[in-house]
Each structure stands twice: as C-alpha cells, then as structure tokens.
Amino acid sequence: MRKKVVAILLATAMALSMSACGGSGTSSKSSSDAGSTTKAETTTEPEEETSYQSILDDYTKEITDATPGLVNEYNTESAEKAGDINALAELSNAKITKLAEICNEGVSKMAEIQLKTGDDYSTYEEWAAKLQDVYTQQSQQITDAYMASAQ
C-alpha cells in the first residue's frame, strides 16, 4: 500500500512539474525598443542577437547549476520530515517547481523570439522541447532524492 501511495504521489508530482514547464506560447509583448538601439545601449547589451540556441544554452546552464543545490536543500530539509510521505512529496514538488520556473522563463523568451521573428510555431516547439528535456532530466535528480528518502 505504501508503495502505491508513493507511486501516485510521484506521478502527480511529475505531472504537475511537466505541466508547469509546458509554456503556453503566450507572453506579454514589449512595447519598448522595437529594433532601435543607441550606442550607449549597445555597450551594455551583448552584440550577439538572442537566438533560440543562446536561450537554450543560458537556461540549460541555469537549470543544471541550480539542480545540485536544490538536491542538497531537499536532502537537508527532508531529514526533518522523515516518515511523513506527504511532507516529503510536497518538499520534492517545491524544489522541482524552482527548476520549472527557470524552464518557464526560458520557454517564454523563446516564445518572444517566435512572435518577434514570425517563425513557424513548430520551430518554437522544437526549441522549447529541448529546454523542457533538460528540465525533465535535472528534475529527475530531485525525484531520485525523494524516492530514496521515502523508502
């Protein structure tokens, strides 16, 4: 029975975290700088134009850099909640949500590029899926820590 409860909680956590990083493709449009920049602005902004690849690279790094700290936080905080499967699941979900927030931010930036350039929606979906794959792989580390502590 206990394994069944753990499996249900884990499935729920994964479903919630996957939907959290789904990215609806809608975002608020920026009404500023419709393409004009001054020399002063270019000294503070990188000259490289933002691309799907650069967003994927930046947010992949951000997610992978955040993961070990979140796993450590989970392991530290889970000691207090040992034996309480619901509290452990909530803690795991909270840590996974932090990764989902990073992923969502990157997916939103990709959506902005798609809207700005008029790229086909499938192009956006392909790049967003790559970032979501990184998120899924990294969140698995938190799920693994949860599974180890829930036994």
N, C-alpha and C. Protein backbone atom coordinates (compact mmCIF):
# COMPACT_ATOMS: atom_id res chain seq x y z
N MET A 1 0.82 -1.19 0.00
CA MET A 1 0.00 0.00 0.00
C MET A 1 0.87 1.26 0.00
N ARG A 2 1.91 1.25 0.80
CA ARG A 2 2.78 2.41 0.90
C ARG A 2 3.44 2.71 -0.45
N LYS A 3 3.88 1.67 -1.15
CA LYS A 3 4.50 1.87 -2.45
C LYS A 3 3.50 2.44 -3.44
N LYS A 4 2.25 2.03 -3.33
CA LYS A 4 1.22 2.53 -4.22
C LYS A 4 1.00 4.03 -3.98
N VAL A 5 0.98 4.45 -2.73
CA VAL A 5 0.81 5.86 -2.38
C VAL A 5 1.99 6.66 -2.91
N VAL A 6 3.19 6.13 -2.72
CA VAL A 6 4.39 6.82 -3.20
C VAL A 6 4.33 6.95 -4.72
N ALA A 7 3.93 5.89 -5.39
CA ALA A 7 3.85 5.93 -6.85
C ALA A 7 2.83 6.97 -7.31
N ILE A 8 1.71 7.04 -6.64
CA ILE A 8 0.67 8.01 -7.01
C ILE A 8 1.18 9.43 -6.76
N LEU A 9 1.81 9.66 -5.63
CA LEU A 9 2.34 10.99 -5.34
C LEU A 9 3.43 11.38 -6.33
N LEU A 10 4.29 10.44 -6.66
CA LEU A 10 5.35 10.71 -7.62
C LEU A 10 4.76 11.02 -8.99
N ALA A 11 3.78 10.27 -9.41
CA ALA A 11 3.14 10.52 -10.70
C ALA A 11 2.49 11.90 -10.72
N THR A 12 1.85 12.25 -9.62
CA THR A 12 1.23 13.58 -9.52
C THR A 12 2.28 14.68 -9.59
N ALA A 13 3.37 14.47 -8.86
CA ALA A 13 4.44 15.47 -8.86
C ALA A 13 5.02 15.65 -10.26
N MET A 14 5.24 14.56 -10.94
CA MET A 14 5.80 14.64 -12.29
C MET A 14 4.80 15.31 -13.24
N ALA A 15 3.54 14.98 -13.12
CA ALA A 15 2.52 15.59 -13.98
C ALA A 15 2.45 17.09 -13.75
N LEU A 16 2.47 17.49 -12.49
CA LEU A 16 2.42 18.92 -12.17
C LEU A 16 3.66 19.63 -12.67
N SER A 17 4.81 19.02 -12.48
CA SER A 17 6.04 19.68 -12.89
C SER A 17 6.15 19.73 -14.41
N MET A 18 5.65 18.71 -15.10
CA MET A 18 5.69 18.74 -16.57
C MET A 18 4.76 19.82 -17.10
N SER A 19 3.60 19.96 -16.51
CA SER A 19 2.67 20.98 -16.98
C SER A 19 3.18 22.37 -16.61
N ALA A 20 3.95 22.46 -15.54
CA ALA A 20 4.50 23.75 -15.13
C ALA A 20 5.50 24.26 -16.15
N CYS A 21 6.14 23.37 -16.86
CA CYS A 21 7.14 23.78 -17.85
C CYS A 21 6.60 23.67 -19.26
N GLY A 22 5.30 23.63 -19.40
CA GLY A 22 4.72 23.47 -20.72
C GLY A 22 4.85 24.68 -21.61
N GLY A 23 4.84 25.86 -21.04
CA GLY A 23 4.96 27.07 -21.83
C GLY A 23 3.81 27.21 -22.80
N SER A 24 2.93 28.13 -22.58
CA SER A 24 1.75 28.26 -23.41
C SER A 24 2.02 28.97 -24.72
N GLY A 25 3.17 29.59 -24.83
CA GLY A 25 3.47 30.30 -26.06
C GLY A 25 2.94 31.72 -26.04
N THR A 26 2.22 32.10 -25.01
CA THR A 26 1.72 33.45 -24.91
C THR A 26 2.60 34.21 -23.95
N SER A 27 2.84 35.42 -24.29
CA SER A 27 3.63 36.27 -23.40
C SER A 27 3.26 37.71 -23.68
N SER A 28 3.58 38.56 -22.74
CA SER A 28 3.30 39.96 -22.95
C SER A 28 4.34 40.52 -23.90
N LYS A 29 3.87 41.33 -24.83
CA LYS A 29 4.78 41.91 -25.81
C LYS A 29 5.42 43.15 -25.23
N SER A 30 6.68 43.33 -25.53
CA SER A 30 7.39 44.51 -25.07
C SER A 30 7.10 45.65 -26.03
N SER A 31 6.63 46.75 -25.51
CA SER A 31 6.32 47.89 -26.36
C SER A 31 7.53 48.77 -26.56
N SER A 32 8.59 48.50 -25.84
CA SER A 32 9.78 49.32 -25.98
C SER A 32 10.71 48.71 -27.01
N ASP A 33 11.70 49.43 -27.38
CA ASP A 33 12.75 49.11 -28.35
C ASP A 33 12.31 48.14 -29.44
N ALA A 34 11.55 48.66 -30.37
CA ALA A 34 11.10 47.85 -31.49
C ALA A 34 12.19 47.69 -32.54
N GLY A 35 13.43 47.69 -32.11
CA GLY A 35 14.53 47.46 -33.03
C GLY A 35 15.54 48.58 -33.04
N SER A 36 15.27 49.71 -32.40
CA SER A 36 16.23 50.79 -32.41
C SER A 36 17.02 50.80 -31.11
N THR A 37 18.33 50.85 -31.26
CA THR A 37 19.20 50.93 -30.09
C THR A 37 20.19 52.05 -30.31
N THR A 38 20.60 52.66 -29.23
CA THR A 38 21.60 53.71 -29.32
C THR A 38 22.96 53.12 -29.01
N LYS A 39 24.01 53.89 -29.26
CA LYS A 39 25.36 53.42 -28.97
C LYS A 39 25.53 53.12 -27.49
N ALA A 40 24.91 53.91 -26.63
CA ALA A 40 25.03 53.67 -25.18
C ALA A 40 24.41 52.33 -24.81
N GLU A 41 23.32 52.00 -25.46
CA GLU A 41 22.66 50.73 -25.17
C GLU A 41 23.49 49.55 -25.62
N THR A 42 24.18 49.68 -26.74
CA THR A 42 24.95 48.56 -27.25
C THR A 42 26.19 48.28 -26.41
N THR A 43 26.63 49.24 -25.63
CA THR A 43 27.80 48.97 -24.78
C THR A 43 27.40 48.11 -23.58
N THR A 44 26.15 48.18 -23.15
CA THR A 44 25.71 47.36 -22.03
C THR A 44 25.10 46.05 -22.49
N GLU A 45 24.60 45.99 -23.71
CA GLU A 45 24.00 44.79 -24.26
C GLU A 45 25.05 44.03 -25.07
N PRO A 46 25.01 42.70 -25.01
CA PRO A 46 25.92 41.96 -25.88
C PRO A 46 25.53 42.19 -27.34
N GLU A 47 26.52 42.23 -28.21
CA GLU A 47 26.26 42.50 -29.61
C GLU A 47 25.60 41.31 -30.30
N GLU A 48 25.77 40.12 -29.74
CA GLU A 48 25.17 38.93 -30.31
C GLU A 48 23.66 38.98 -30.13
N GLU A 49 22.95 38.71 -31.22
CA GLU A 49 21.49 38.70 -31.16
C GLU A 49 21.02 37.46 -30.41
N THR A 50 19.98 37.62 -29.61
CA THR A 50 19.44 36.50 -28.88
C THR A 50 18.81 35.53 -29.87
N SER A 51 19.13 34.26 -29.67
CA SER A 51 18.61 33.22 -30.56
C SER A 51 18.04 32.09 -29.71
N TYR A 52 17.34 31.19 -30.37
CA TYR A 52 16.85 30.01 -29.65
C TYR A 52 18.02 29.28 -29.00
N GLN A 53 19.11 29.14 -29.74
CA GLN A 53 20.26 28.41 -29.22
C GLN A 53 20.86 29.10 -28.01
N SER A 54 20.99 30.42 -28.06
CA SER A 54 21.58 31.13 -26.93
C SER A 54 20.69 31.03 -25.69
N ILE A 55 19.39 31.07 -25.89
CA ILE A 55 18.46 30.90 -24.76
C ILE A 55 18.57 29.49 -24.22
N LEU A 56 18.59 28.50 -25.11
CA LEU A 56 18.75 27.12 -24.67
C LEU A 56 20.03 26.95 -23.88
N ASP A 57 21.12 27.50 -24.37
CA ASP A 57 22.40 27.39 -23.67
C ASP A 57 22.37 28.06 -22.30
N ASP A 58 21.85 29.28 -22.26
CA ASP A 58 21.80 30.04 -20.99
C ASP A 58 20.92 29.34 -19.95
N TYR A 59 19.75 28.91 -20.35
CA TYR A 59 18.83 28.31 -19.40
C TYR A 59 19.19 26.87 -19.06
N THR A 60 19.85 26.18 -19.98
CA THR A 60 20.38 24.86 -19.64
C THR A 60 21.41 25.01 -18.53
N LYS A 61 22.28 25.99 -18.67
CA LYS A 61 23.29 26.23 -17.64
C LYS A 61 22.63 26.61 -16.32
N GLU A 62 21.64 27.48 -16.39
CA GLU A 62 20.97 27.91 -15.16
C GLU A 62 20.29 26.73 -14.46
N ILE A 63 19.63 25.88 -15.21
CA ILE A 63 18.95 24.72 -14.63
C ILE A 63 19.96 23.74 -14.06
N THR A 64 21.00 23.44 -14.83
CA THR A 64 21.99 22.46 -14.35
C THR A 64 22.80 23.01 -13.18
N ASP A 65 23.01 24.30 -13.14
CA ASP A 65 23.71 24.90 -11.99
C ASP A 65 22.84 24.89 -10.73
N ALA A 66 21.54 25.05 -10.89
CA ALA A 66 20.62 25.11 -9.74
C ALA A 66 20.34 23.72 -9.15
N THR A 67 20.41 22.69 -9.97
CA THR A 67 19.99 21.36 -9.54
C THR A 67 20.74 20.82 -8.33
N PRO A 68 22.08 20.83 -8.30
CA PRO A 68 22.76 20.26 -7.13
C PRO A 68 22.38 20.96 -5.82
N GLY A 69 22.22 22.26 -5.85
CA GLY A 69 21.81 22.99 -4.66
C GLY A 69 20.42 22.61 -4.20
N LEU A 70 19.51 22.42 -5.16
CA LEU A 70 18.15 22.03 -4.80
C LEU A 70 18.11 20.60 -4.26
N VAL A 71 18.93 19.72 -4.81
CA VAL A 71 19.01 18.35 -4.28
C VAL A 71 19.55 18.40 -2.86
N ASN A 72 20.58 19.20 -2.64
CA ASN A 72 21.13 19.33 -1.28
C ASN A 72 20.11 19.92 -0.31
N GLU A 73 19.38 20.93 -0.76
CA GLU A 73 18.33 21.51 0.09
C GLU A 73 17.30 20.45 0.43
N TYR A 74 16.89 19.69 -0.59
CA TYR A 74 15.90 18.65 -0.35
C TYR A 74 16.42 17.66 0.69
N ASN A 75 17.63 17.18 0.49
CA ASN A 75 18.21 16.19 1.41
C ASN A 75 18.30 16.73 2.84
N THR A 76 18.67 17.98 2.98
CA THR A 76 18.76 18.59 4.31
C THR A 76 17.39 18.74 4.95
N GLU A 77 16.45 19.29 4.20
CA GLU A 77 15.12 19.54 4.74
C GLU A 77 14.31 18.27 4.93
N SER A 78 14.60 17.24 4.15
CA SER A 78 13.82 16.00 4.25
C SER A 78 14.11 15.24 5.54
N ALA A 79 15.26 15.48 6.13
CA ALA A 79 15.59 14.81 7.38
C ALA A 79 14.56 15.12 8.47
N GLU A 80 14.06 16.35 8.49
CA GLU A 80 13.06 16.76 9.49
C GLU A 80 11.70 16.11 9.23
N LYS A 81 11.48 15.72 7.98
CA LYS A 81 10.16 15.22 7.59
C LYS A 81 10.16 13.70 7.39
N ALA A 82 11.23 13.05 7.79
CA ALA A 82 11.36 11.61 7.59
C ALA A 82 10.14 10.89 8.13
N GLY A 83 9.60 9.97 7.33
CA GLY A 83 8.44 9.20 7.74
C GLY A 83 7.11 9.81 7.32
N ASP A 84 7.10 11.08 6.95
CA ASP A 84 5.87 11.74 6.51
C ASP A 84 5.90 11.86 4.99
N ILE A 85 5.35 10.87 4.33
CA ILE A 85 5.41 10.77 2.87
C ILE A 85 4.81 12.00 2.18
N ASN A 86 3.72 12.52 2.73
CA ASN A 86 3.09 13.70 2.13
C ASN A 86 3.99 14.93 2.23
N ALA A 87 4.61 15.11 3.37
CA ALA A 87 5.51 16.25 3.55
C ALA A 87 6.73 16.13 2.64
N LEU A 88 7.22 14.91 2.48
CA LEU A 88 8.36 14.70 1.58
C LEU A 88 7.97 14.99 0.13
N ALA A 89 6.78 14.57 -0.26
CA ALA A 89 6.31 14.83 -1.62
C ALA A 89 6.15 16.33 -1.87
N GLU A 90 5.60 17.03 -0.89
CA GLU A 90 5.45 18.49 -1.01
C GLU A 90 6.80 19.17 -1.13
N LEU A 91 7.76 18.72 -0.33
CA LEU A 91 9.10 19.29 -0.38
C LEU A 91 9.74 19.04 -1.75
N SER A 92 9.60 17.82 -2.24
CA SER A 92 10.14 17.48 -3.56
C SER A 92 9.49 18.35 -4.64
N ASN A 93 8.18 18.49 -4.59
CA ASN A 93 7.47 19.33 -5.56
C ASN A 93 7.94 20.78 -5.51
N ALA A 94 8.19 21.28 -4.32
CA ALA A 94 8.65 22.66 -4.17
C ALA A 94 10.00 22.86 -4.84
N LYS A 95 10.89 21.89 -4.69
CA LYS A 95 12.22 22.01 -5.30
C LYS A 95 12.13 21.87 -6.81
N ILE A 96 11.30 20.94 -7.28
CA ILE A 96 11.12 20.76 -8.72
C ILE A 96 10.47 22.00 -9.34
N THR A 97 9.58 22.63 -8.60
CA THR A 97 8.93 23.85 -9.08
C THR A 97 9.94 24.95 -9.35
N LYS A 98 10.98 25.02 -8.54
CA LYS A 98 12.01 26.04 -8.77
C LYS A 98 12.69 25.82 -10.12
N LEU A 99 12.94 24.57 -10.47
CA LEU A 99 13.51 24.28 -11.79
C LEU A 99 12.50 24.60 -12.89
N ALA A 100 11.24 24.31 -12.63
CA ALA A 100 10.19 24.61 -13.62
C ALA A 100 10.10 26.11 -13.89
N GLU A 101 10.28 26.91 -12.86
CA GLU A 101 10.23 28.36 -13.04
C GLU A 101 11.35 28.84 -13.96
N ILE A 102 12.54 28.26 -13.79
CA ILE A 102 13.66 28.61 -14.66
C ILE A 102 13.33 28.19 -16.09
N CYS A 103 12.83 26.99 -16.25
CA CYS A 103 12.46 26.48 -17.57
C CYS A 103 11.40 27.37 -18.21
N ASN A 104 10.38 27.71 -17.47
CA ASN A 104 9.30 28.56 -18.00
C ASN A 104 9.82 29.90 -18.48
N GLU A 105 10.77 30.46 -17.74
CA GLU A 105 11.34 31.74 -18.15
C GLU A 105 12.04 31.59 -19.51
N GLY A 106 12.81 30.53 -19.67
CA GLY A 106 13.48 30.30 -20.94
C GLY A 106 12.51 30.04 -22.07
N VAL A 107 11.48 29.24 -21.80
CA VAL A 107 10.47 28.95 -22.82
C VAL A 107 9.74 30.24 -23.22
N SER A 108 9.49 31.10 -22.26
CA SER A 108 8.83 32.38 -22.56
C SER A 108 9.70 33.25 -23.46
N LYS A 109 11.00 33.24 -23.20
CA LYS A 109 11.92 34.02 -24.06
C LYS A 109 11.94 33.45 -25.47
N MET A 110 11.86 32.14 -25.57
CA MET A 110 11.79 31.52 -26.90
C MET A 110 10.50 31.92 -27.61
N ALA A 111 9.41 31.99 -26.86
CA ALA A 111 8.12 32.40 -27.44
C ALA A 111 8.21 33.84 -27.95
N GLU A 112 8.92 34.68 -27.21
CA GLU A 112 9.10 36.07 -27.65
C GLU A 112 9.84 36.13 -28.98
N ILE A 113 10.85 35.29 -29.13
CA ILE A 113 11.58 35.24 -30.40
C ILE A 113 10.64 34.80 -31.52
N GLN A 114 9.86 33.76 -31.25
CA GLN A 114 8.93 33.25 -32.26
C GLN A 114 7.95 34.34 -32.69
N LEU A 115 7.44 35.08 -31.73
CA LEU A 115 6.49 36.15 -32.05
C LEU A 115 7.17 37.29 -32.80
N LYS A 116 8.39 37.62 -32.39
CA LYS A 116 9.12 38.73 -33.00
C LYS A 116 9.54 38.41 -34.43
N THR A 117 10.01 37.19 -34.66
CA THR A 117 10.52 36.83 -35.98
C THR A 117 9.46 36.25 -36.90
N GLY A 118 8.35 35.81 -36.33
CA GLY A 118 7.31 35.20 -37.14
C GLY A 118 7.65 33.78 -37.56
N ASP A 119 8.60 33.16 -36.83
CA ASP A 119 8.96 31.77 -37.12
C ASP A 119 7.73 30.88 -37.01
N ASP A 120 7.79 29.78 -37.70
CA ASP A 120 6.74 28.78 -37.62
C ASP A 120 6.65 28.28 -36.17
N TYR A 121 5.44 28.02 -35.72
CA TYR A 121 5.25 27.57 -34.34
C TYR A 121 6.02 26.28 -34.05
N SER A 122 6.17 25.43 -35.04
CA SER A 122 6.89 24.17 -34.84
C SER A 122 8.36 24.42 -34.51
N THR A 123 8.92 25.51 -35.00
CA THR A 123 10.31 25.86 -34.67
C THR A 123 10.41 26.18 -33.19
N TYR A 124 9.49 27.00 -32.72
CA TYR A 124 9.44 27.31 -31.29
C TYR A 124 9.27 26.04 -30.46
N GLU A 125 8.33 25.20 -30.87
CA GLU A 125 8.06 23.96 -30.12
C GLU A 125 9.30 23.08 -30.04
N GLU A 126 10.03 23.00 -31.12
CA GLU A 126 11.24 22.16 -31.15
C GLU A 126 12.27 22.65 -30.14
N TRP A 127 12.51 23.96 -30.13
CA TRP A 127 13.49 24.52 -29.20
C TRP A 127 13.00 24.45 -27.76
N ALA A 128 11.72 24.75 -27.54
CA ALA A 128 11.16 24.68 -26.19
C ALA A 128 11.25 23.26 -25.66
N ALA A 129 11.01 22.28 -26.51
CA ALA A 129 11.09 20.88 -26.09
C ALA A 129 12.50 20.50 -25.65
N LYS A 130 13.49 21.08 -26.29
CA LYS A 130 14.88 20.81 -25.89
C LYS A 130 15.13 21.30 -24.47
N LEU A 131 14.65 22.49 -24.16
CA LEU A 131 14.83 23.03 -22.81
C LEU A 131 14.01 22.22 -21.81
N GLN A 132 12.82 21.82 -22.19
CA GLN A 132 11.98 21.02 -21.31
C GLN A 132 12.63 19.66 -21.04
N ASP A 133 13.35 19.13 -22.01
CA ASP A 133 14.08 17.87 -21.81
C ASP A 133 15.17 18.04 -20.75
N VAL A 134 15.86 19.17 -20.80
CA VAL A 134 16.89 19.45 -19.79
C VAL A 134 16.23 19.52 -18.42
N TYR A 135 15.13 20.25 -18.35
CA TYR A 135 14.38 20.37 -17.09
C TYR A 135 13.97 19.00 -16.56
N THR A 136 13.44 18.16 -17.44
CA THR A 136 12.99 16.83 -17.03
C THR A 136 14.14 15.99 -16.50
N GLN A 137 15.26 16.03 -17.20
CA GLN A 137 16.44 15.27 -16.77
C GLN A 137 16.95 15.75 -15.41
N GLN A 138 17.00 17.05 -15.23
CA GLN A 138 17.52 17.60 -13.98
C GLN A 138 16.54 17.40 -12.82
N SER A 139 15.26 17.53 -13.09
CA SER A 139 14.28 17.34 -12.02
C SER A 139 14.25 15.89 -11.56
N GLN A 140 14.68 14.98 -12.42
CA GLN A 140 14.75 13.57 -12.04
C GLN A 140 15.70 13.37 -10.86
N GLN A 141 16.72 14.19 -10.76
CA GLN A 141 17.66 14.09 -9.63
C GLN A 141 16.95 14.39 -8.31
N ILE A 142 16.05 15.35 -8.33
CA ILE A 142 15.29 15.66 -7.12
C ILE A 142 14.30 14.53 -6.83
N THR A 143 13.69 14.02 -7.89
CA THR A 143 12.77 12.89 -7.72
C THR A 143 13.51 11.68 -7.14
N ASP A 144 14.72 11.44 -7.62
CA ASP A 144 15.53 10.33 -7.09
C ASP A 144 15.82 10.52 -5.60
N ALA A 145 16.12 11.75 -5.20
CA ALA A 145 16.36 12.03 -3.77
C ALA A 145 15.09 11.79 -2.98
N TYR A 146 13.95 12.18 -3.54
CA TYR A 146 12.67 11.93 -2.88
C TYR A 146 12.44 10.44 -2.72
N MET A 147 12.63 9.68 -3.77
CA MET A 147 12.40 8.24 -3.71
C MET A 147 13.31 7.58 -2.68
N ALA A 148 14.54 8.05 -2.60
CA ALA A 148 15.47 7.48 -1.62
C ALA A 148 15.02 7.80 -0.19
N SER A 149 14.49 8.99 0.01
CA SER A 149 14.09 9.37 1.37
C SER A 149 12.73 8.83 1.76
N ALA A 150 11.92 8.45 0.78
CA ALA A 150 10.57 7.99 1.06
C ALA A 150 10.51 6.50 1.38
N GLN A 151 11.59 5.81 1.22
CA GLN A 151 11.58 4.35 1.47
C GLN A 151 11.70 4.01 2.92
